[in-house]
Amino acid sequence: MAWRSVTILCGNGPETKLANWDVTSPLIVVEPDLLWQVISVIEAEGTDEVNRIIFGSSVPFGTFLSVVASLHQNFRGDVVICTKEWGAYLSSVVASGPGRILYELSQNDLAFYLRVNFGGRPGVERKSQVSELSRAA
């Protein structure tokens, strides 16, 4: 079965508890040491189904940068990492051509990103999701 809008959540800390995520599309939780295998499968199968890869603070920043630098140019999804300093970085494609750009996001920017991409249901506070995602392992 082909899914649309799959999210990969990479980490091994509290940010990977599925109860913290309000999703209507598949969410795949991956341990950091298995991430490269998952990425190779995505690239072999086609990258149009994965819309984003999100790293929690339990993943080293260098891993995030390595993934961003090595993604196949056909991968058009977002790559996000949250730091324990309450900031986040978003790598997305350049609209006018090949390549990616890296944005620094504030806590409010990250909360907005999560609200837009994961919607919201009554009682789910995005700030608490940002807190869990940013918490140091």
Protein backbone atom coordinates (compact mmCIF):
# COMPACT_ATOMS: atom_id res chain seq x y z
CA MET A 1 0.00 0.00 0.00
CA ALA A 2 1.33 3.43 -0.90
CA TRP A 3 0.92 6.14 1.70
CA ARG A 4 1.07 9.85 1.19
CA SER A 5 2.63 12.19 3.70
CA VAL A 6 4.69 9.85 5.83
CA THR A 7 6.71 11.39 8.70
CA ILE A 8 9.86 9.78 10.06
CA LEU A 9 10.61 10.65 13.68
CA CYS A 10 14.19 9.87 14.63
CA GLY A 11 15.31 9.68 18.22
CA ASN A 12 15.40 7.53 21.31
CA GLY A 13 14.26 10.01 23.93
CA PRO A 14 10.88 11.16 25.24
CA GLU A 15 10.12 12.88 21.94
CA THR A 16 9.37 9.52 20.33
CA LYS A 17 6.39 8.66 22.54
CA LEU A 18 3.54 8.31 20.08
CA ALA A 19 1.09 9.71 22.62
CA ASN A 20 2.75 13.10 22.09
CA TRP A 21 1.87 13.16 18.40
CA ASP A 22 -1.52 13.93 16.90
CA VAL A 23 -1.18 12.54 13.42
CA THR A 24 -3.59 11.57 10.70
CA SER A 25 -0.91 10.11 8.44
CA PRO A 26 1.68 7.44 9.19
CA LEU A 27 4.41 8.26 11.69
CA ILE A 28 7.44 5.99 11.66
CA VAL A 29 9.67 6.11 14.75
CA VAL A 30 13.27 5.17 14.04
CA GLU A 31 16.21 4.69 16.38
CA PRO A 32 19.16 6.86 15.30
CA ASP A 33 21.37 3.86 14.51
CA LEU A 34 18.80 2.57 11.98
CA LEU A 35 18.20 5.87 10.23
CA TRP A 36 20.62 5.32 7.34
CA GLN A 37 18.97 1.99 6.53
CA VAL A 38 15.56 3.65 6.47
CA ILE A 39 16.82 6.44 4.23
CA SER A 40 18.31 3.94 1.78
CA VAL A 41 14.96 2.11 1.60
CA ILE A 42 13.14 5.41 1.03
CA GLU A 43 15.48 6.33 -1.79
CA ALA A 44 15.20 2.86 -3.36
CA GLU A 45 11.39 2.85 -3.16
CA GLY A 46 10.85 6.48 -4.14
CA THR A 47 10.92 9.57 -2.00
CA ASP A 48 7.57 11.12 -2.80
CA GLU A 49 5.77 9.51 0.14
CA VAL A 50 8.00 10.86 2.91
CA ASN A 51 7.18 14.50 3.56
CA ARG A 52 9.40 15.08 6.55
CA ILE A 53 12.12 13.67 8.75
CA ILE A 54 12.11 15.05 12.29
CA PHE A 55 15.03 14.63 14.68
CA GLY A 56 14.60 15.02 18.41
CA SER A 57 17.32 16.36 20.67
CA SER A 58 18.57 12.83 21.38
CA VAL A 59 20.11 12.84 17.89
CA PRO A 60 23.46 14.62 17.49
CA PHE A 61 23.37 17.79 15.39
CA GLY A 62 26.13 16.33 13.20
CA THR A 63 23.83 13.45 12.23
CA PHE A 64 21.19 15.96 11.12
CA LEU A 65 23.75 17.80 8.99
CA SER A 66 25.04 14.52 7.49
CA VAL A 67 21.52 13.49 6.53
CA VAL A 68 20.74 16.88 4.98
CA ALA A 69 24.01 16.86 3.02
CA SER A 70 23.53 13.32 1.70
CA LEU A 71 19.85 13.25 0.80
CA HIS A 72 19.12 12.48 -2.81
CA GLN A 73 18.12 15.59 -4.73
CA ASN A 74 14.74 14.00 -5.50
CA PHE A 75 13.84 14.07 -1.81
CA ARG A 76 11.54 17.09 -1.58
CA GLY A 77 10.55 16.73 2.08
CA ASP A 78 11.47 18.79 5.11
CA VAL A 79 14.19 17.79 7.55
CA VAL A 80 13.82 19.28 11.05
CA ILE A 81 15.91 19.06 14.20
CA CYS A 82 15.06 20.48 17.61
CA THR A 83 17.81 21.55 19.95
CA LYS A 84 17.71 21.59 23.71
CA GLU A 85 18.15 25.36 23.55
CA TRP A 86 14.49 25.55 22.37
CA GLY A 87 15.49 26.35 18.86
CA ALA A 88 15.10 24.28 15.79
CA TYR A 89 16.46 24.08 12.28
CA LEU A 90 14.48 23.32 9.16
CA SER A 91 16.02 22.21 5.90
CA SER A 92 13.72 22.50 2.91
CA VAL A 93 14.09 22.52 -0.82
CA VAL A 94 14.73 25.68 -2.80
CA ALA A 95 11.61 26.44 -4.79
CA SER A 96 13.43 27.72 -7.86
CA GLY A 97 15.78 24.82 -8.44
CA PRO A 98 17.95 22.11 -6.97
CA GLY A 99 19.42 22.39 -3.52
CA ARG A 100 18.25 22.91 0.03
CA ILE A 101 18.19 25.85 2.40
CA LEU A 102 18.60 25.81 6.18
CA TYR A 103 16.39 27.98 8.37
CA GLU A 104 16.72 28.62 12.10
CA LEU A 105 13.34 28.39 13.84
CA SER A 106 12.31 29.87 17.16
CA GLN A 107 10.12 27.95 19.60
CA ASN A 108 7.06 29.75 18.21
CA ASP A 109 8.13 28.96 14.64
CA LEU A 110 8.45 25.29 15.54
CA ALA A 111 5.05 25.26 17.25
CA PHE A 112 3.56 26.81 14.11
CA TYR A 113 5.30 24.25 11.89
CA LEU A 114 3.91 21.39 14.00
CA ARG A 115 0.41 22.89 14.03
CA VAL A 116 0.39 23.36 10.25
CA ASN A 117 1.80 19.92 9.46
CA PHE A 118 0.12 17.85 12.13
CA GLY A 119 -3.06 19.82 12.72
CA GLY A 120 -4.39 19.90 16.17
CA ARG A 121 -7.15 18.48 18.23
CA PRO A 122 -8.76 20.07 21.24
CA GLY A 123 -6.62 19.61 24.32
CA VAL A 124 -3.35 19.01 22.47
CA GLU A 125 -0.95 21.81 23.25
CA ARG A 126 1.76 22.29 20.64
CA LYS A 127 4.04 23.97 23.18
CA SER A 128 4.19 20.72 25.18
CA GLN A 129 5.03 18.82 21.99
CA VAL A 130 7.81 21.32 21.30
CA SER A 131 9.01 20.83 24.87
CA GLU A 132 9.16 17.04 24.50
CA LEU A 133 10.86 17.32 21.12
CA SER A 134 13.48 19.72 22.45
CA ARG A 135 14.19 18.02 25.78
CA ALA A 136 17.68 16.64 26.14
CA ALA A 137 17.80 12.87 26.36
